[in-house]
Amino acid sequence: MNRLTKIYTRQGDEGLTRLASGERVAKNHPRIQAIGEVDMLNSQLGLLLSYLHADKAKSLEDLALQITPCLHRLFDVGGELSMPEYQAISEQDVTYLESLIDGWNEHLAHLKDFILPTGSIAASQAHVCRSQARTAERNLQLLHKDEPLRKELLAYLNRLSDLFFVLARMINQSQKVTETLWQAAQKK
């Protein structure tokens, strides 16, 4: 197993970076952009998990345990993007997200209006994760136009944004925070 013994290599100083295959590409290449957005999502998810664990409420700990595997799968997504021959995300991973979404949604009031990305700090962070998942997904779709990606990879990112939306609602409900409903602008 390779160990990272030196963190900096100076090889990126010229605006290039190396994929796991050894190929060097520009740091603004669509593949690197997608990897960066997935990395940002994983970092935002890590912050969300920190908020959930800090609360110490049993219901939030349960939610944290259910979404912790997403940290690992997002790292796998980055691996697939860095090593196109590597296939880690499976249909079962997509199904897992769908089962969480469906299970949580059963405990929530039906939506009649749009809700705004507010609530508790943890719920608001879940909304940040949702919007970052959309950004990562757009970058994957952009890459997919030129370099086809596996359908499981694309579906996983798509489901994650849905998961974070429902998770934000679950967190607000657990913390007894009222959702803020969107109010259309009044016509003058």
C-alpha atoms as a PDB file:
ATOM      1  CA  MET A   1       0.000   0.000   0.000  1.00  0.00           C
ATOM      2  CA  ASN A   2       1.272   3.465  -0.857  1.00  0.00           C
ATOM      3  CA  ARG A   3       1.614   5.855   2.044  1.00  0.00           C
ATOM      4  CA  LEU A   4       1.568   9.608   1.717  1.00  0.00           C
ATOM      5  CA  THR A   5       4.920  10.520   3.172  1.00  0.00           C
ATOM      6  CA  LYS A   6       5.128  13.933   1.565  1.00  0.00           C
ATOM      7  CA  ILE A   7       2.045  16.069   1.105  1.00  0.00           C
ATOM      8  CA  TYR A   8       3.367  18.547  -1.429  1.00  0.00           C
ATOM      9  CA  THR A   9       5.032  17.508  -4.679  1.00  0.00           C
ATOM     10  CA  ARG A  10       5.442  20.876  -6.464  1.00  0.00           C
ATOM     11  CA  GLN A  11       4.169  19.168  -9.614  1.00  0.00           C
ATOM     12  CA  GLY A  12       0.987  21.252  -9.654  1.00  0.00           C
ATOM     13  CA  ASP A  13       2.776  24.579  -9.689  1.00  0.00           C
ATOM     14  CA  GLU A  14       2.515  24.700 -13.476  1.00  0.00           C
ATOM     15  CA  GLY A  15      -1.288  24.254 -13.461  1.00  0.00           C
ATOM     16  CA  LEU A  16      -1.307  20.512 -14.085  1.00  0.00           C
ATOM     17  CA  THR A  17      -2.291  17.630 -11.874  1.00  0.00           C
ATOM     18  CA  ARG A  18      -1.946  13.878 -12.141  1.00  0.00           C
ATOM     19  CA  LEU A  19      -4.815  11.437 -12.310  1.00  0.00           C
ATOM     20  CA  ALA A  20      -4.372   8.065 -10.627  1.00  0.00           C
ATOM     21  CA  SER A  21      -3.625   6.615 -14.080  1.00  0.00           C
ATOM     22  CA  GLY A  22      -0.546   8.831 -14.269  1.00  0.00           C
ATOM     23  CA  GLU A  23      -2.065  11.054 -16.954  1.00  0.00           C
ATOM     24  CA  ARG A  24      -1.413  14.754 -16.375  1.00  0.00           C
ATOM     25  CA  VAL A  25      -4.294  17.122 -17.046  1.00  0.00           C
ATOM     26  CA  ALA A  26      -4.951  20.813 -16.493  1.00  0.00           C
ATOM     27  CA  LYS A  27      -6.295  21.694 -13.067  1.00  0.00           C
ATOM     28  CA  ASN A  28      -9.310  23.283 -14.759  1.00  0.00           C
ATOM     29  CA  HIS A  29     -10.089  20.143 -16.807  1.00  0.00           C
ATOM     30  CA  PRO A  30     -13.782  19.137 -16.416  1.00  0.00           C
ATOM     31  CA  ARG A  31     -12.708  15.895 -14.687  1.00  0.00           C
ATOM     32  CA  ILE A  32     -10.684  17.829 -12.089  1.00  0.00           C
ATOM     33  CA  GLN A  33     -13.527  20.331 -11.678  1.00  0.00           C
ATOM     34  CA  ALA A  34     -15.899  17.425 -10.968  1.00  0.00           C
ATOM     35  CA  ILE A  35     -13.470  15.865  -8.493  1.00  0.00           C
ATOM     36  CA  GLY A  36     -13.150  19.225  -6.729  1.00  0.00           C
ATOM     37  CA  GLU A  37     -16.907  19.700  -6.428  1.00  0.00           C
ATOM     38  CA  VAL A  38     -17.328  16.177  -5.037  1.00  0.00           C
ATOM     39  CA  ASP A  39     -14.531  16.896  -2.552  1.00  0.00           C
ATOM     40  CA  MET A  40     -16.299  20.117  -1.506  1.00  0.00           C
ATOM     41  CA  LEU A  41     -19.525  18.162  -1.018  1.00  0.00           C
ATOM     42  CA  ASN A  42     -17.736  15.604   1.131  1.00  0.00           C
ATOM     43  CA  SER A  43     -16.250  18.406   3.249  1.00  0.00           C
ATOM     44  CA  GLN A  44     -19.686  20.015   3.653  1.00  0.00           C
ATOM     45  CA  LEU A  45     -21.104  16.626   4.640  1.00  0.00           C
ATOM     46  CA  GLY A  46     -18.329  16.267   7.222  1.00  0.00           C
ATOM     47  CA  LEU A  47     -19.375  19.604   8.719  1.00  0.00           C
ATOM     48  CA  LEU A  48     -23.011  18.494   8.774  1.00  0.00           C
ATOM     49  CA  LEU A  49     -22.038  15.312  10.605  1.00  0.00           C
ATOM     50  CA  SER A  50     -20.101  17.391  13.142  1.00  0.00           C
ATOM     51  CA  TYR A  51     -23.229  19.453  13.833  1.00  0.00           C
ATOM     52  CA  LEU A  52     -25.370  16.326  14.183  1.00  0.00           C
ATOM     53  CA  HIS A  53     -22.917  14.668  16.577  1.00  0.00           C
ATOM     54  CA  ALA A  54     -22.525  17.849  18.638  1.00  0.00           C
ATOM     55  CA  ASP A  55     -26.248  17.984  19.366  1.00  0.00           C
ATOM     56  CA  LYS A  56     -26.197  14.638  21.259  1.00  0.00           C
ATOM     57  CA  ALA A  57     -29.905  14.037  20.587  1.00  0.00           C
ATOM     58  CA  LYS A  58     -30.547  10.350  19.914  1.00  0.00           C
ATOM     59  CA  SER A  59     -32.644  11.113  16.829  1.00  0.00           C
ATOM     60  CA  LEU A  60     -29.830  13.192  15.312  1.00  0.00           C
ATOM     61  CA  GLU A  61     -27.228  10.550  16.156  1.00  0.00           C
ATOM     62  CA  ASP A  62     -29.380   8.017  14.300  1.00  0.00           C
ATOM     63  CA  LEU A  63     -29.536  10.296  11.269  1.00  0.00           C
ATOM     64  CA  ALA A  64     -25.769  10.804  11.427  1.00  0.00           C
ATOM     65  CA  LEU A  65     -25.182   7.055  11.489  1.00  0.00           C
ATOM     66  CA  GLN A  66     -27.434   6.599   8.468  1.00  0.00           C
ATOM     67  CA  ILE A  67     -25.627   9.204   6.356  1.00  0.00           C
ATOM     68  CA  THR A  68     -22.045   8.474   7.450  1.00  0.00           C
ATOM     69  CA  PRO A  69     -21.652   5.876   4.669  1.00  0.00           C
ATOM     70  CA  CYS A  70     -22.140   8.742   2.198  1.00  0.00           C
ATOM     71  CA  LEU A  71     -18.730  10.135   3.245  1.00  0.00           C
ATOM     72  CA  HIS A  72     -17.114   6.916   2.100  1.00  0.00           C
ATOM     73  CA  ARG A  73     -19.162   6.664  -1.089  1.00  0.00           C
ATOM     74  CA  LEU A  74     -18.310  10.251  -2.033  1.00  0.00           C
ATOM     75  CA  PHE A  75     -14.651   9.379  -1.623  1.00  0.00           C
ATOM     76  CA  ASP A  76     -15.363   6.442  -3.951  1.00  0.00           C
ATOM     77  CA  VAL A  77     -16.986   8.843  -6.437  1.00  0.00           C
ATOM     78  CA  GLY A  78     -13.754  10.836  -6.418  1.00  0.00           C
ATOM     79  CA  GLY A  79     -11.867   7.589  -6.962  1.00  0.00           C
ATOM     80  CA  GLU A  80     -14.010   6.715  -9.962  1.00  0.00           C
ATOM     81  CA  LEU A  81     -13.402  10.151 -11.413  1.00  0.00           C
ATOM     82  CA  SER A  82      -9.658   9.881 -10.815  1.00  0.00           C
ATOM     83  CA  MET A  83      -9.413   6.289 -12.077  1.00  0.00           C
ATOM     84  CA  PRO A  84     -12.029   5.746 -14.803  1.00  0.00           C
ATOM     85  CA  GLU A  85     -11.445   1.976 -14.764  1.00  0.00           C
ATOM     86  CA  TYR A  86     -12.313   1.881 -11.030  1.00  0.00           C
ATOM     87  CA  GLN A  87     -15.982   1.142 -10.342  1.00  0.00           C
ATOM     88  CA  ALA A  88     -17.107   1.521  -6.767  1.00  0.00           C
ATOM     89  CA  ILE A  89     -20.609   3.034  -6.830  1.00  0.00           C
ATOM     90  CA  SER A  90     -23.268   0.394  -7.383  1.00  0.00           C
ATOM     91  CA  GLU A  91     -26.995   0.275  -7.898  1.00  0.00           C
ATOM     92  CA  GLN A  92     -27.215  -0.845  -4.238  1.00  0.00           C
ATOM     93  CA  ASP A  93     -25.682   2.475  -3.193  1.00  0.00           C
ATOM     94  CA  VAL A  94     -28.388   4.333  -5.108  1.00  0.00           C
ATOM     95  CA  THR A  95     -31.058   2.055  -3.616  1.00  0.00           C
ATOM     96  CA  TYR A  96     -29.713   2.755  -0.111  1.00  0.00           C
ATOM     97  CA  LEU A  97     -30.224   6.488  -0.622  1.00  0.00           C
ATOM     98  CA  GLU A  98     -33.715   5.905  -2.002  1.00  0.00           C
ATOM     99  CA  SER A  99     -34.643   3.769   1.015  1.00  0.00           C
ATOM    100  CA  LEU A 100     -33.475   6.502   3.399  1.00  0.00           C
ATOM    101  CA  ILE A 101     -35.405   9.162   1.477  1.00  0.00           C
ATOM    102  CA  ASP A 102     -38.589   7.060   1.389  1.00  0.00           C
ATOM    103  CA  GLY A 103     -38.299   6.058   5.043  1.00  0.00           C
ATOM    104  CA  TRP A 104     -37.723   9.586   6.292  1.00  0.00           C
ATOM    105  CA  ASN A 105     -40.392  11.050   4.045  1.00  0.00           C
ATOM    106  CA  GLU A 106     -43.018   8.835   5.729  1.00  0.00           C
ATOM    107  CA  HIS A 107     -42.416  10.759   8.970  1.00  0.00           C
ATOM    108  CA  LEU A 108     -42.743  14.220   7.438  1.00  0.00           C
ATOM    109  CA  ALA A 109     -45.762  16.372   6.697  1.00  0.00           C
ATOM    110  CA  HIS A 110     -46.644  16.535   3.009  1.00  0.00           C
ATOM    111  CA  LEU A 111     -45.320  19.624   1.289  1.00  0.00           C
ATOM    112  CA  LYS A 112     -47.910  22.054  -0.008  1.00  0.00           C
ATOM    113  CA  ASP A 113     -45.495  24.944  -0.568  1.00  0.00           C
ATOM    114  CA  PHE A 114     -41.827  25.406  -1.296  1.00  0.00           C
ATOM    115  CA  ILE A 115     -39.659  25.631   1.786  1.00  0.00           C
ATOM    116  CA  LEU A 116     -36.683  27.926   2.150  1.00  0.00           C
ATOM    117  CA  PRO A 117     -33.228  26.613   3.107  1.00  0.00           C
ATOM    118  CA  THR A 118     -33.439  27.589   6.759  1.00  0.00           C
ATOM    119  CA  GLY A 119     -34.018  26.104  10.162  1.00  0.00           C
ATOM    120  CA  SER A 120     -31.530  24.927  12.721  1.00  0.00           C
ATOM    121  CA  ILE A 121     -27.817  25.213  12.003  1.00  0.00           C
ATOM    122  CA  ALA A 122     -27.646  21.497  11.181  1.00  0.00           C
ATOM    123  CA  ALA A 123     -30.697  21.678   8.891  1.00  0.00           C
ATOM    124  CA  SER A 124     -29.276  24.735   7.156  1.00  0.00           C
ATOM    125  CA  GLN A 125     -26.020  22.839   6.638  1.00  0.00           C
ATOM    126  CA  ALA A 126     -28.011  19.963   5.112  1.00  0.00           C
ATOM    127  CA  HIS A 127     -29.379  22.506   2.621  1.00  0.00           C
ATOM    128  CA  VAL A 128     -25.801  23.612   1.860  1.00  0.00           C
ATOM    129  CA  CYS A 129     -25.008  19.942   1.185  1.00  0.00           C
ATOM    130  CA  ARG A 130     -28.072  19.733  -1.067  1.00  0.00           C
ATOM    131  CA  SER A 131     -27.014  22.693  -3.164  1.00  0.00           C
ATOM    132  CA  GLN A 132     -23.400  21.473  -3.282  1.00  0.00           C
ATOM    133  CA  ALA A 133     -24.629  18.054  -4.423  1.00  0.00           C
ATOM    134  CA  ARG A 134     -26.438  19.805  -7.289  1.00  0.00           C
ATOM    135  CA  THR A 135     -23.242  21.670  -8.205  1.00  0.00           C
ATOM    136  CA  ALA A 136     -21.249  18.436  -8.165  1.00  0.00           C
ATOM    137  CA  GLU A 137     -23.929  16.739 -10.250  1.00  0.00           C
ATOM    138  CA  ARG A 138     -23.842  19.536 -12.851  1.00  0.00           C
ATOM    139  CA  ASN A 139     -20.074  19.148 -13.101  1.00  0.00           C
ATOM    140  CA  LEU A 140     -20.398  15.386 -13.559  1.00  0.00           C
ATOM    141  CA  GLN A 141     -22.992  15.923 -16.268  1.00  0.00           C
ATOM    142  CA  LEU A 142     -20.686  18.388 -18.008  1.00  0.00           C
ATOM    143  CA  LEU A 143     -17.880  15.817 -17.963  1.00  0.00           C
ATOM    144  CA  HIS A 144     -20.327  13.115 -19.059  1.00  0.00           C
ATOM    145  CA  LYS A 145     -21.017  15.001 -22.312  1.00  0.00           C
ATOM    146  CA  ASP A 146     -17.394  14.482 -23.422  1.00  0.00           C
ATOM    147  CA  GLU A 147     -16.320  11.472 -21.379  1.00  0.00           C
ATOM    148  CA  PRO A 148     -19.243   9.153 -20.621  1.00  0.00           C
ATOM    149  CA  LEU A 149     -19.663   8.235 -16.966  1.00  0.00           C
ATOM    150  CA  ARG A 150     -21.483   5.264 -15.505  1.00  0.00           C
ATOM    151  CA  LYS A 151     -25.206   5.689 -14.883  1.00  0.00           C
ATOM    152  CA  GLU A 152     -24.819   4.585 -11.243  1.00  0.00           C
ATOM    153  CA  LEU A 153     -22.381   7.410 -10.604  1.00  0.00           C
ATOM    154  CA  LEU A 154     -24.733  10.004 -12.084  1.00  0.00           C
ATOM    155  CA  ALA A 155     -27.766   8.584 -10.278  1.00  0.00           C
ATOM    156  CA  TYR A 156     -25.933   8.551  -6.936  1.00  0.00           C
ATOM    157  CA  LEU A 157     -25.182  12.283  -7.103  1.00  0.00           C
ATOM    158  CA  ASN A 158     -28.737  13.009  -8.203  1.00  0.00           C
ATOM    159  CA  ARG A 159     -30.216  11.088  -5.251  1.00  0.00           C
ATOM    160  CA  LEU A 160     -27.848  12.734  -2.785  1.00  0.00           C
ATOM    161  CA  SER A 161     -29.370  16.160  -3.347  1.00  0.00           C
ATOM    162  CA  ASP A 162     -32.831  14.693  -2.719  1.00  0.00           C
ATOM    163  CA  LEU A 163     -31.524  12.962   0.389  1.00  0.00           C
ATOM    164  CA  PHE A 164     -30.124  16.194   1.829  1.00  0.00           C
ATOM    165  CA  PHE A 165     -33.411  18.002   1.186  1.00  0.00           C
ATOM    166  CA  VAL A 166     -35.405  15.394   3.105  1.00  0.00           C
ATOM    167  CA  LEU A 167     -32.673  15.194   5.758  1.00  0.00           C
ATOM    168  CA  ALA A 168     -32.924  18.951   6.373  1.00  0.00           C
ATOM    169  CA  ARG A 169     -36.635  18.506   6.975  1.00  0.00           C
ATOM    170  CA  MET A 170     -35.996  15.562   9.317  1.00  0.00           C
ATOM    171  CA  ILE A 171     -33.457  17.571  11.303  1.00  0.00           C
ATOM    172  CA  ASN A 172     -35.823  20.535  11.667  1.00  0.00           C
ATOM    173  CA  GLN A 173     -38.609  18.211  12.753  1.00  0.00           C
ATOM    174  CA  SER A 174     -36.340  16.487  15.266  1.00  0.00           C
ATOM    175  CA  GLN A 175     -35.196  19.821  16.675  1.00  0.00           C
ATOM    176  CA  LYS A 176     -38.749  21.175  16.648  1.00  0.00           C
ATOM    177  CA  VAL A 177     -37.845  24.008  14.291  1.00  0.00           C
ATOM    178  CA  THR A 178     -40.621  25.275  12.036  1.00  0.00           C
ATOM    179  CA  GLU A 179     -39.867  25.258   8.331  1.00  0.00           C
ATOM    180  CA  THR A 180     -40.001  28.605   6.573  1.00  0.00           C
ATOM    181  CA  LEU A 181     -42.436  28.520   3.683  1.00  0.00           C
ATOM    182  CA  TRP A 182     -41.739  30.568   0.576  1.00  0.00           C
ATOM    183  CA  GLN A 183     -43.975  33.581   0.106  1.00  0.00           C
ATOM    184  CA  ALA A 184     -44.393  34.881  -3.408  1.00  0.00           C
ATOM    185  CA  ALA A 185     -43.685  38.540  -3.991  1.00  0.00           C
ATOM    186  CA  GLN A 186     -46.772  40.701  -3.771  1.00  0.00           C
ATOM    187  CA  LYS A 187     -47.768  42.214  -7.092  1.00  0.00           C
ATOM    188  CA  LYS A 188     -47.843  45.984  -6.985  1.00  0.00           C
END
